[in-house]
N, C-alpha and C. Protein backbone atom coordinates (compact mmCIF):
# COMPACT_ATOMS: atom_id res chain seq x y z
N MET A 1 56.73 195.64 23.72
CA MET A 1 57.14 194.40 24.38
C MET A 1 56.47 194.32 25.75
N PRO A 2 55.88 193.16 26.08
CA PRO A 2 55.22 193.01 27.38
C PRO A 2 56.21 193.17 28.53
N GLN A 3 55.71 193.71 29.62
CA GLN A 3 56.53 193.92 30.82
C GLN A 3 56.39 192.74 31.78
N LEU A 4 57.49 192.45 32.48
CA LEU A 4 57.51 191.36 33.43
C LEU A 4 57.96 191.87 34.78
N SER A 5 57.16 191.61 35.80
CA SER A 5 57.57 191.80 37.19
C SER A 5 57.69 190.40 37.78
N LEU A 6 58.92 190.00 38.14
CA LEU A 6 59.16 188.63 38.54
C LEU A 6 59.93 188.55 39.84
N SER A 7 59.43 187.72 40.73
CA SER A 7 60.14 187.36 41.95
C SER A 7 60.55 185.90 41.82
N VAL A 8 61.81 185.62 42.15
CA VAL A 8 62.29 184.24 42.12
C VAL A 8 62.67 183.85 43.54
N GLN A 9 62.08 182.77 44.02
CA GLN A 9 62.32 182.29 45.38
C GLN A 9 63.02 180.93 45.31
N PHE A 10 64.13 180.82 46.01
CA PHE A 10 64.87 179.56 46.06
C PHE A 10 64.60 178.90 47.40
N ALA A 11 63.77 177.85 47.40
CA ALA A 11 63.42 177.12 48.61
C ALA A 11 63.89 175.68 48.51
N SER A 12 64.95 175.48 47.76
CA SER A 12 65.53 174.15 47.57
C SER A 12 67.00 174.21 47.95
N PRO A 13 67.51 173.19 48.61
CA PRO A 13 68.91 173.21 49.04
C PRO A 13 69.90 172.86 47.93
N PHE A 14 69.41 172.56 46.73
CA PHE A 14 70.30 172.13 45.66
C PHE A 14 71.25 173.24 45.23
N ALA A 15 72.48 172.85 44.97
CA ALA A 15 73.48 173.79 44.44
C ALA A 15 73.38 173.79 42.91
N ASN A 16 74.03 174.74 42.31
CA ASN A 16 74.10 174.82 40.84
C ASN A 16 72.75 174.99 40.16
N LEU A 17 71.83 175.66 40.82
CA LEU A 17 70.55 175.98 40.20
C LEU A 17 70.75 177.18 39.28
N PRO A 18 69.89 177.34 38.28
CA PRO A 18 69.97 178.55 37.46
C PRO A 18 69.79 179.79 38.34
N THR A 19 70.28 180.91 37.86
CA THR A 19 70.18 182.16 38.61
C THR A 19 68.82 182.81 38.39
N ALA A 20 68.51 183.76 39.24
CA ALA A 20 67.27 184.53 39.08
C ALA A 20 67.25 185.20 37.71
N ASN A 21 68.40 185.69 37.26
CA ASN A 21 68.46 186.34 35.94
C ASN A 21 68.16 185.36 34.81
N GLN A 22 68.60 184.12 34.95
CA GLN A 22 68.27 183.13 33.92
C GLN A 22 66.77 182.87 33.90
N PHE A 23 66.16 182.68 35.07
CA PHE A 23 64.72 182.46 35.12
C PHE A 23 63.98 183.66 34.52
N ARG A 24 64.46 184.86 34.80
CA ARG A 24 63.84 186.07 34.25
C ARG A 24 63.92 186.07 32.72
N LYS A 25 65.08 185.75 32.18
CA LYS A 25 65.27 185.71 30.72
C LYS A 25 64.32 184.70 30.08
N TRP A 26 64.22 183.51 30.66
CA TRP A 26 63.35 182.47 30.11
C TRP A 26 61.88 182.86 30.19
N ALA A 27 61.48 183.41 31.33
CA ALA A 27 60.09 183.82 31.50
C ALA A 27 59.73 184.94 30.53
N LYS A 28 60.63 185.90 30.40
CA LYS A 28 60.37 187.04 29.51
C LYS A 28 60.21 186.58 28.06
N ALA A 29 60.95 185.57 27.66
CA ALA A 29 60.87 185.07 26.29
C ALA A 29 59.50 184.49 25.98
N ALA A 30 58.78 184.02 26.99
CA ALA A 30 57.47 183.41 26.79
C ALA A 30 56.30 184.37 26.98
N LEU A 31 56.58 185.62 27.35
CA LEU A 31 55.49 186.57 27.63
C LEU A 31 54.71 186.94 26.38
N ARG A 32 53.40 187.04 26.58
CA ARG A 32 52.50 187.52 25.53
C ARG A 32 51.85 188.84 25.95
N VAL A 33 51.70 189.03 27.26
CA VAL A 33 51.08 190.23 27.83
C VAL A 33 51.84 190.60 29.10
N ASP A 34 51.60 191.79 29.62
CA ASP A 34 52.22 192.19 30.88
C ASP A 34 51.89 191.16 31.95
N THR A 35 52.91 190.79 32.72
CA THR A 35 52.77 189.70 33.67
C THR A 35 53.50 190.00 34.96
N GLU A 36 52.87 189.64 36.06
CA GLU A 36 53.49 189.68 37.39
C GLU A 36 53.47 188.26 37.92
N ALA A 37 54.65 187.72 38.21
CA ALA A 37 54.70 186.32 38.60
C ALA A 37 55.78 186.07 39.65
N THR A 38 55.61 184.96 40.33
CA THR A 38 56.63 184.43 41.22
C THR A 38 57.00 183.05 40.72
N ILE A 39 58.29 182.80 40.63
CA ILE A 39 58.78 181.45 40.36
C ILE A 39 59.43 180.98 41.65
N ARG A 40 58.96 179.85 42.15
CA ARG A 40 59.49 179.29 43.41
C ARG A 40 60.12 177.94 43.09
N ILE A 41 61.39 177.82 43.41
CA ILE A 41 62.13 176.58 43.21
C ILE A 41 62.08 175.81 44.53
N VAL A 42 61.48 174.62 44.49
CA VAL A 42 61.21 173.88 45.72
C VAL A 42 61.91 172.52 45.74
N ASP A 43 61.90 171.91 46.93
CA ASP A 43 62.40 170.55 47.08
C ASP A 43 61.24 169.58 46.85
N GLU A 44 61.53 168.30 46.94
CA GLU A 44 60.52 167.29 46.62
C GLU A 44 59.37 167.28 47.63
N ASP A 45 59.65 167.52 48.90
CA ASP A 45 58.58 167.52 49.91
C ASP A 45 57.55 168.61 49.63
N GLU A 46 58.03 169.83 49.35
CA GLU A 46 57.08 170.92 49.07
C GLU A 46 56.35 170.69 47.75
N GLY A 47 57.07 170.20 46.75
CA GLY A 47 56.44 169.91 45.46
C GLY A 47 55.33 168.87 45.60
N ARG A 48 55.60 167.84 46.37
CA ARG A 48 54.61 166.79 46.60
C ARG A 48 53.40 167.34 47.36
N ALA A 49 53.65 168.12 48.41
CA ALA A 49 52.56 168.69 49.21
C ALA A 49 51.66 169.58 48.36
N LEU A 50 52.25 170.39 47.52
CA LEU A 50 51.46 171.28 46.66
C LEU A 50 50.66 170.49 45.63
N ASN A 51 51.28 169.49 45.03
CA ASN A 51 50.59 168.68 44.03
C ASN A 51 49.42 167.92 44.67
N LEU A 52 49.61 167.46 45.90
CA LEU A 52 48.53 166.77 46.61
C LEU A 52 47.41 167.75 46.97
N ALA A 53 47.78 168.90 47.49
CA ALA A 53 46.77 169.88 47.92
C ALA A 53 45.95 170.44 46.77
N TYR A 54 46.59 170.70 45.64
CA TYR A 54 45.89 171.40 44.55
C TYR A 54 45.47 170.52 43.39
N ARG A 55 46.09 169.32 43.26
CA ARG A 55 45.74 168.45 42.14
C ARG A 55 45.35 167.05 42.60
N ASP A 56 45.36 166.83 43.92
CA ASP A 56 45.01 165.54 44.51
C ASP A 56 45.88 164.40 43.97
N LYS A 57 47.17 164.73 43.70
CA LYS A 57 48.13 163.74 43.21
C LYS A 57 49.28 163.68 44.21
N ASP A 58 49.52 162.50 44.73
CA ASP A 58 50.46 162.33 45.84
C ASP A 58 51.89 162.03 45.35
N TYR A 59 52.43 162.94 44.59
CA TYR A 59 53.82 162.85 44.15
C TYR A 59 54.28 164.25 43.73
N ALA A 60 55.56 164.45 43.74
CA ALA A 60 56.10 165.72 43.26
C ALA A 60 56.16 165.68 41.74
N THR A 61 55.81 166.79 41.12
CA THR A 61 55.87 166.91 39.67
C THR A 61 56.87 168.01 39.31
N ASN A 62 57.25 168.09 38.05
CA ASN A 62 58.30 169.03 37.68
C ASN A 62 57.87 170.50 37.78
N VAL A 63 56.66 170.82 37.34
CA VAL A 63 56.22 172.22 37.39
C VAL A 63 54.72 172.28 37.68
N LEU A 64 54.35 173.23 38.50
CA LEU A 64 52.95 173.54 38.79
C LEU A 64 52.74 175.02 38.51
N THR A 65 51.61 175.34 37.93
CA THR A 65 51.31 176.73 37.61
C THR A 65 49.99 177.11 38.25
N PHE A 66 49.98 178.29 38.88
CA PHE A 66 48.79 178.77 39.57
C PHE A 66 48.43 180.15 39.04
N PRO A 67 47.59 180.23 38.01
CA PRO A 67 47.13 181.54 37.54
C PRO A 67 46.28 182.19 38.63
N LEU A 68 46.51 183.48 38.88
CA LEU A 68 45.79 184.17 39.94
C LEU A 68 44.80 185.21 39.43
N SER A 69 45.19 185.92 38.36
CA SER A 69 44.34 187.00 37.87
C SER A 69 44.73 187.36 36.45
N GLU A 70 43.77 187.85 35.70
CA GLU A 70 44.05 188.35 34.36
C GLU A 70 43.96 189.86 34.29
N THR A 71 43.45 190.50 35.34
CA THR A 71 43.35 191.96 35.34
C THR A 71 43.90 192.51 36.64
N PRO A 72 44.56 193.65 36.67
CA PRO A 72 44.81 194.55 35.53
C PRO A 72 45.88 194.03 34.58
N HIS A 73 46.57 192.97 34.99
CA HIS A 73 47.52 192.27 34.12
C HIS A 73 47.56 190.82 34.58
N LEU A 74 48.23 189.99 33.84
CA LEU A 74 48.32 188.59 34.19
C LEU A 74 49.16 188.42 35.45
N MET A 75 48.66 187.62 36.39
CA MET A 75 49.40 187.35 37.63
C MET A 75 49.31 185.87 37.95
N GLY A 76 50.39 185.34 38.52
CA GLY A 76 50.36 183.95 38.92
C GLY A 76 51.67 183.48 39.50
N ASP A 77 51.65 182.24 39.95
CA ASP A 77 52.81 181.61 40.56
C ASP A 77 53.18 180.37 39.77
N ILE A 78 54.48 180.13 39.68
CA ILE A 78 55.00 178.93 39.03
C ILE A 78 55.92 178.26 40.05
N VAL A 79 55.70 176.98 40.29
CA VAL A 79 56.50 176.22 41.23
C VAL A 79 57.25 175.16 40.44
N ILE A 80 58.57 175.17 40.56
CA ILE A 80 59.41 174.20 39.86
C ILE A 80 60.15 173.36 40.91
N CYS A 81 60.01 172.06 40.79
CA CYS A 81 60.61 171.13 41.76
C CYS A 81 62.00 170.72 41.27
N ALA A 82 63.03 171.28 41.90
CA ALA A 82 64.41 171.10 41.46
C ALA A 82 64.83 169.63 41.36
N PRO A 83 64.61 168.79 42.38
CA PRO A 83 65.08 167.41 42.24
C PRO A 83 64.40 166.64 41.11
N ILE A 84 63.15 166.93 40.85
CA ILE A 84 62.45 166.26 39.75
C ILE A 84 63.03 166.72 38.41
N VAL A 85 63.27 168.02 38.28
CA VAL A 85 63.85 168.55 37.04
C VAL A 85 65.22 167.91 36.80
N MET A 86 66.03 167.82 37.83
CA MET A 86 67.37 167.25 37.69
C MET A 86 67.31 165.76 37.35
N LYS A 87 66.39 165.04 37.97
CA LYS A 87 66.23 163.62 37.69
C LYS A 87 65.78 163.42 36.24
N GLU A 88 64.78 164.19 35.80
CA GLU A 88 64.30 164.07 34.43
C GLU A 88 65.39 164.42 33.42
N ALA A 89 66.13 165.47 33.70
CA ALA A 89 67.21 165.87 32.79
C ALA A 89 68.21 164.72 32.62
N ALA A 90 68.57 164.08 33.71
CA ALA A 90 69.52 162.96 33.64
C ALA A 90 68.92 161.79 32.86
N GLU A 91 67.67 161.45 33.16
CA GLU A 91 67.01 160.33 32.48
C GLU A 91 66.84 160.58 30.98
N GLN A 92 66.61 161.86 30.61
CA GLN A 92 66.36 162.21 29.23
C GLN A 92 67.61 162.71 28.51
N HIS A 93 68.75 162.64 29.19
CA HIS A 93 70.04 163.06 28.62
C HIS A 93 69.98 164.51 28.12
N LYS A 94 69.43 165.37 28.96
CA LYS A 94 69.32 166.80 28.66
C LYS A 94 70.21 167.58 29.62
N LEU A 95 70.63 168.75 29.19
CA LEU A 95 71.32 169.66 30.09
C LEU A 95 70.32 170.15 31.13
N ILE A 96 70.75 170.20 32.38
CA ILE A 96 69.85 170.67 33.45
C ILE A 96 69.35 172.07 33.13
N GLU A 97 70.24 172.95 32.69
CA GLU A 97 69.83 174.33 32.35
C GLU A 97 68.73 174.33 31.29
N ALA A 98 68.88 173.51 30.26
CA ALA A 98 67.89 173.47 29.19
C ALA A 98 66.54 172.99 29.71
N HIS A 99 66.55 172.03 30.64
CA HIS A 99 65.29 171.52 31.17
C HIS A 99 64.62 172.57 32.06
N PHE A 100 65.41 173.27 32.87
CA PHE A 100 64.84 174.38 33.66
C PHE A 100 64.26 175.45 32.73
N ALA A 101 64.96 175.77 31.65
CA ALA A 101 64.46 176.76 30.69
C ALA A 101 63.12 176.30 30.12
N HIS A 102 63.06 175.03 29.71
CA HIS A 102 61.82 174.50 29.14
C HIS A 102 60.67 174.58 30.13
N LEU A 103 60.90 174.17 31.37
CA LEU A 103 59.80 174.16 32.33
C LEU A 103 59.39 175.56 32.75
N THR A 104 60.32 176.51 32.71
CA THR A 104 59.96 177.91 32.97
C THR A 104 59.06 178.42 31.86
N VAL A 105 59.45 178.19 30.63
CA VAL A 105 58.62 178.60 29.48
C VAL A 105 57.27 177.90 29.56
N HIS A 106 57.27 176.63 29.86
CA HIS A 106 56.03 175.85 29.98
C HIS A 106 55.10 176.47 31.03
N GLY A 107 55.66 176.80 32.19
CA GLY A 107 54.86 177.40 33.25
C GLY A 107 54.29 178.75 32.87
N VAL A 108 55.09 179.58 32.21
CA VAL A 108 54.61 180.91 31.78
C VAL A 108 53.50 180.75 30.75
N LEU A 109 53.65 179.81 29.84
CA LEU A 109 52.57 179.60 28.86
C LEU A 109 51.29 179.13 29.53
N HIS A 110 51.40 178.31 30.59
CA HIS A 110 50.20 177.94 31.35
C HIS A 110 49.54 179.18 31.95
N LEU A 111 50.34 180.11 32.47
CA LEU A 111 49.76 181.36 33.00
C LEU A 111 48.97 182.09 31.93
N HIS A 112 49.44 181.98 30.69
CA HIS A 112 48.80 182.65 29.56
C HIS A 112 47.62 181.87 28.99
N GLY A 113 47.28 180.74 29.61
CA GLY A 113 46.11 179.99 29.20
C GLY A 113 46.39 178.80 28.30
N TYR A 114 47.63 178.57 27.94
CA TYR A 114 47.95 177.38 27.14
C TYR A 114 47.77 176.14 28.01
N ASP A 115 47.40 175.04 27.37
CA ASP A 115 47.20 173.80 28.11
C ASP A 115 47.56 172.63 27.23
N HIS A 116 47.54 171.44 27.81
CA HIS A 116 47.84 170.22 27.05
C HIS A 116 46.90 169.10 27.46
N GLU A 117 45.64 169.47 27.69
CA GLU A 117 44.65 168.49 28.14
C GLU A 117 44.16 167.59 27.00
N ASP A 118 44.23 168.05 25.78
CA ASP A 118 43.89 167.19 24.66
C ASP A 118 44.99 167.30 23.61
N ALA A 119 44.94 166.45 22.60
CA ALA A 119 46.03 166.36 21.62
C ALA A 119 46.24 167.67 20.87
N HIS A 120 45.16 168.33 20.48
CA HIS A 120 45.29 169.59 19.74
C HIS A 120 45.94 170.68 20.60
N GLN A 121 45.49 170.82 21.85
CA GLN A 121 46.08 171.80 22.75
C GLN A 121 47.55 171.49 23.02
N ALA A 122 47.85 170.22 23.22
CA ALA A 122 49.23 169.81 23.48
C ALA A 122 50.12 170.12 22.30
N GLU A 123 49.65 169.85 21.10
CA GLU A 123 50.44 170.12 19.89
C GLU A 123 50.72 171.61 19.75
N LEU A 124 49.71 172.44 20.00
CA LEU A 124 49.89 173.88 19.92
C LEU A 124 50.89 174.37 20.97
N MET A 125 50.70 173.94 22.21
CA MET A 125 51.59 174.38 23.29
C MET A 125 53.02 173.93 23.03
N GLU A 126 53.21 172.70 22.60
CA GLU A 126 54.55 172.20 22.32
C GLU A 126 55.21 172.98 21.19
N SER A 127 54.46 173.31 20.16
CA SER A 127 55.05 174.05 19.04
C SER A 127 55.49 175.44 19.48
N VAL A 128 54.72 176.09 20.33
CA VAL A 128 55.09 177.40 20.85
C VAL A 128 56.33 177.29 21.72
N GLU A 129 56.37 176.26 22.58
CA GLU A 129 57.55 176.04 23.43
C GLU A 129 58.80 175.83 22.58
N ILE A 130 58.70 175.00 21.56
CA ILE A 130 59.84 174.70 20.69
C ILE A 130 60.36 175.99 20.05
N GLN A 131 59.47 176.85 19.56
CA GLN A 131 59.86 178.11 18.93
C GLN A 131 60.57 179.02 19.93
N ILE A 132 60.01 179.18 21.11
CA ILE A 132 60.60 180.06 22.13
C ILE A 132 61.97 179.53 22.54
N LEU A 133 62.06 178.25 22.80
CA LEU A 133 63.33 177.67 23.23
C LEU A 133 64.39 177.76 22.14
N ALA A 134 63.99 177.61 20.89
CA ALA A 134 64.95 177.75 19.78
C ALA A 134 65.52 179.17 19.75
N LYS A 135 64.67 180.17 19.97
CA LYS A 135 65.15 181.56 20.01
C LYS A 135 66.12 181.79 21.17
N LEU A 136 65.96 181.00 22.22
CA LEU A 136 66.85 181.09 23.38
C LEU A 136 68.11 180.24 23.20
N GLY A 137 68.17 179.49 22.10
CA GLY A 137 69.35 178.68 21.82
C GLY A 137 69.30 177.26 22.36
N TYR A 138 68.10 176.77 22.69
CA TYR A 138 67.94 175.42 23.22
C TYR A 138 67.28 174.51 22.18
N ALA A 139 67.65 173.25 22.24
CA ALA A 139 67.10 172.25 21.32
C ALA A 139 65.63 171.95 21.66
N ASN A 140 64.96 171.31 20.72
CA ASN A 140 63.59 170.86 20.91
C ASN A 140 63.53 169.95 22.15
N PRO A 141 62.80 170.34 23.18
CA PRO A 141 62.78 169.55 24.42
C PRO A 141 62.00 168.24 24.29
N TYR A 142 61.28 168.08 23.19
CA TYR A 142 60.48 166.86 23.02
C TYR A 142 61.23 165.79 22.24
N LEU A 143 62.45 166.09 21.81
CA LEU A 143 63.30 165.09 21.19
C LEU A 143 64.18 164.51 22.28
N ILE A 144 63.77 163.37 22.79
CA ILE A 144 64.47 162.74 23.90
C ILE A 144 65.38 161.66 23.34
N THR A 145 66.65 161.72 23.74
CA THR A 145 67.60 160.71 23.24
C THR A 145 67.82 159.62 24.27
């Protein structure tokens, strides 16, 4: 089983966020190789600033992934914007916990090289996410009610 070294940073004032242990469980479920990562939970201002600086997009997005290295093991950072996740969960009638789980898995898969830039890549990544989330007890995140 791949090993995970994970730091979770809470830089958002929101209450009722998932715990570091929950983020660890979700990240570990998506591991394919040994990984060292940081998950940083941010507010909308930091999420927007990062998205602008690294993707030239002037808005906060739900998750950003920054792969850093593949050797001697996979390393990277995942930034999850709490207010965006909560807003999306409400709009999509999803449990907040389930949406955080999905975006954590999504971010870890990006660290592993998965992408959704074209239809084939998106289909593959989504199918892997659905399988991992089902094992964790969560519904298909792409079925929006």
